[in-house]
Amino acid sequence: MKILVKSLILSVISFPIIACSSSTPKCSDSETKELVINIAKDQLLRTGFGDVIDKLEMKVENVRTIEYQKDVDKYMCKTEFILKNKENNQQNILPITYTVQKTDNGKRFYVEVYGL
């Protein structure tokens, strides 16, 4: 688990995810938090830790909107990303940030996560 956390902490590259929506979801919307978790799972797969995904419970808690840029309809968010080992209940909390923004045509939005 410690190696897993070190791997997640060291990978500070953002990874965009696209989903359909009529408006930009807010930082704490369920679809936004779900995409943050999906990005983390994808990052685990990319770094060779795909076999531990089923052993972990992942949560996004204590979400805060840090900034909203009305002209581009973009949210900057901070949260606690919680990784809990289902077998022994040990958990690690990672402070992460992410952005949520609509595409120019307004049909999709991107979530980019920093700090995983």
Protein backbone atom coordinates (compact mmCIF):
# COMPACT_ATOMS: atom_id res chain seq x y z
CA MET A 1 0.00 0.00 0.00
CA LYS A 2 2.87 2.38 0.77
CA ILE A 3 4.36 1.79 -2.69
CA LEU A 4 0.96 2.48 -4.20
CA VAL A 5 0.62 5.78 -2.38
CA LYS A 6 4.14 6.83 -3.36
CA SER A 7 3.32 6.05 -6.96
CA LEU A 8 0.13 8.10 -6.84
CA ILE A 9 1.86 11.01 -5.15
CA LEU A 10 4.71 11.06 -7.65
CA SER A 11 2.48 11.15 -10.70
CA VAL A 12 1.44 14.78 -10.80
CA ILE A 13 0.52 14.72 -14.47
CA SER A 14 -3.01 15.77 -15.22
CA PHE A 15 -5.24 13.43 -17.18
CA PRO A 16 -8.36 14.70 -18.93
CA ILE A 17 -11.60 12.76 -19.02
CA ILE A 18 -14.53 13.63 -21.23
CA ALA A 19 -18.19 13.13 -20.42
CA CYS A 20 -21.42 14.43 -21.87
CA SER A 21 -23.39 17.10 -20.04
CA SER A 22 -25.60 20.12 -20.78
CA SER A 23 -23.82 22.35 -18.25
CA THR A 24 -20.56 22.34 -16.36
CA PRO A 25 -20.96 20.27 -13.20
CA LYS A 26 -19.75 21.83 -9.97
CA CYS A 27 -16.82 20.56 -7.92
CA SER A 28 -18.98 18.50 -5.57
CA ASP A 29 -21.42 17.08 -8.15
CA SER A 30 -21.54 13.29 -8.12
CA GLU A 31 -20.57 13.00 -11.79
CA THR A 32 -17.47 15.12 -11.19
CA LYS A 33 -16.38 13.10 -8.16
CA GLU A 34 -17.01 9.86 -10.07
CA LEU A 35 -14.75 11.05 -12.88
CA VAL A 36 -12.00 11.93 -10.38
CA ILE A 37 -12.15 8.35 -9.07
CA ASN A 38 -12.12 6.95 -12.63
CA ILE A 39 -9.04 9.04 -13.41
CA ALA A 40 -7.30 7.64 -10.31
CA LYS A 41 -8.16 4.09 -11.38
CA ASP A 42 -6.83 4.78 -14.86
CA GLN A 43 -3.64 6.18 -13.35
CA LEU A 44 -3.22 2.98 -11.30
CA LEU A 45 -3.60 0.91 -14.47
CA ARG A 46 -1.05 3.06 -16.31
CA THR A 47 1.52 2.74 -13.51
CA GLY A 48 1.22 -1.04 -13.21
CA PHE A 49 -0.97 -1.22 -10.10
CA GLY A 50 -4.17 -2.37 -11.81
CA ASP A 51 -4.25 -5.53 -9.69
CA VAL A 52 -4.90 -3.54 -6.49
CA ILE A 53 -7.89 -1.53 -7.74
CA ASP A 54 -10.41 -4.10 -6.47
CA LYS A 55 -8.71 -4.08 -3.04
CA LEU A 56 -9.20 -0.34 -2.61
CA GLU A 57 -12.16 1.81 -1.75
CA MET A 58 -11.74 5.29 -3.21
CA LYS A 59 -13.60 8.37 -2.04
CA VAL A 60 -13.61 12.08 -2.78
CA GLU A 61 -14.49 13.98 0.40
CA ASN A 62 -14.43 17.50 1.78
CA VAL A 63 -14.66 19.12 -1.64
CA ARG A 64 -14.00 22.85 -1.81
CA THR A 65 -14.48 25.19 -4.75
CA ILE A 66 -11.36 27.35 -4.79
CA GLU A 67 -12.18 29.45 -7.83
CA TYR A 68 -14.85 29.88 -10.46
CA GLN A 69 -14.01 31.61 -13.73
CA LYS A 70 -17.35 32.74 -15.07
CA ASP A 71 -16.05 33.85 -18.48
CA VAL A 72 -14.91 30.30 -19.34
CA ASP A 73 -17.27 28.44 -16.96
CA LYS A 74 -14.38 26.69 -15.21
CA TYR A 75 -14.15 25.46 -11.62
CA MET A 76 -10.93 24.92 -9.65
CA CYS A 77 -11.45 22.43 -6.83
CA LYS A 78 -9.57 20.98 -3.85
CA THR A 79 -10.45 17.80 -2.06
CA GLU A 80 -9.24 14.91 0.03
CA PHE A 81 -8.80 11.77 -2.04
CA ILE A 82 -9.16 8.79 0.28
CA LEU A 83 -7.68 5.38 -0.49
CA LYS A 84 -8.89 2.70 1.92
CA ASN A 85 -7.56 -0.85 1.88
CA LYS A 86 -10.64 -3.11 2.06
CA GLU A 87 -8.65 -5.94 3.65
CA ASN A 88 -7.17 -4.16 6.67
CA ASN A 89 -9.08 -0.83 6.70
CA GLN A 90 -5.88 1.23 6.53
CA GLN A 91 -6.38 4.46 4.67
CA ASN A 92 -4.33 7.22 3.14
CA ILE A 93 -5.58 10.71 2.40
CA LEU A 94 -4.11 12.61 -0.54
CA PRO A 95 -4.81 16.32 -0.98
CA ILE A 96 -5.54 16.83 -4.68
CA THR A 97 -6.82 19.56 -6.96
CA TYR A 98 -8.86 19.31 -10.11
CA THR A 99 -10.54 21.48 -12.69
CA VAL A 100 -13.92 21.10 -14.38
CA GLN A 101 -14.61 22.91 -17.64
CA LYS A 102 -17.03 22.71 -20.57
CA THR A 103 -15.88 22.43 -24.14
CA ASP A 104 -16.52 25.44 -26.38
CA ASN A 105 -19.59 23.81 -27.91
CA GLY A 106 -20.98 23.09 -24.41
CA LYS A 107 -21.71 19.44 -25.16
CA ARG A 108 -18.96 17.89 -23.02
CA PHE A 109 -16.81 18.72 -20.05
CA TYR A 110 -13.26 17.90 -19.00
CA VAL A 111 -12.00 16.98 -15.57
CA GLU A 112 -8.26 17.32 -15.06
CA VAL A 113 -6.75 15.99 -11.84
CA TYR A 114 -3.49 17.16 -10.31
CA GLY A 115 -1.67 15.47 -7.45
CA LEU A 116 -2.34 11.79 -8.07
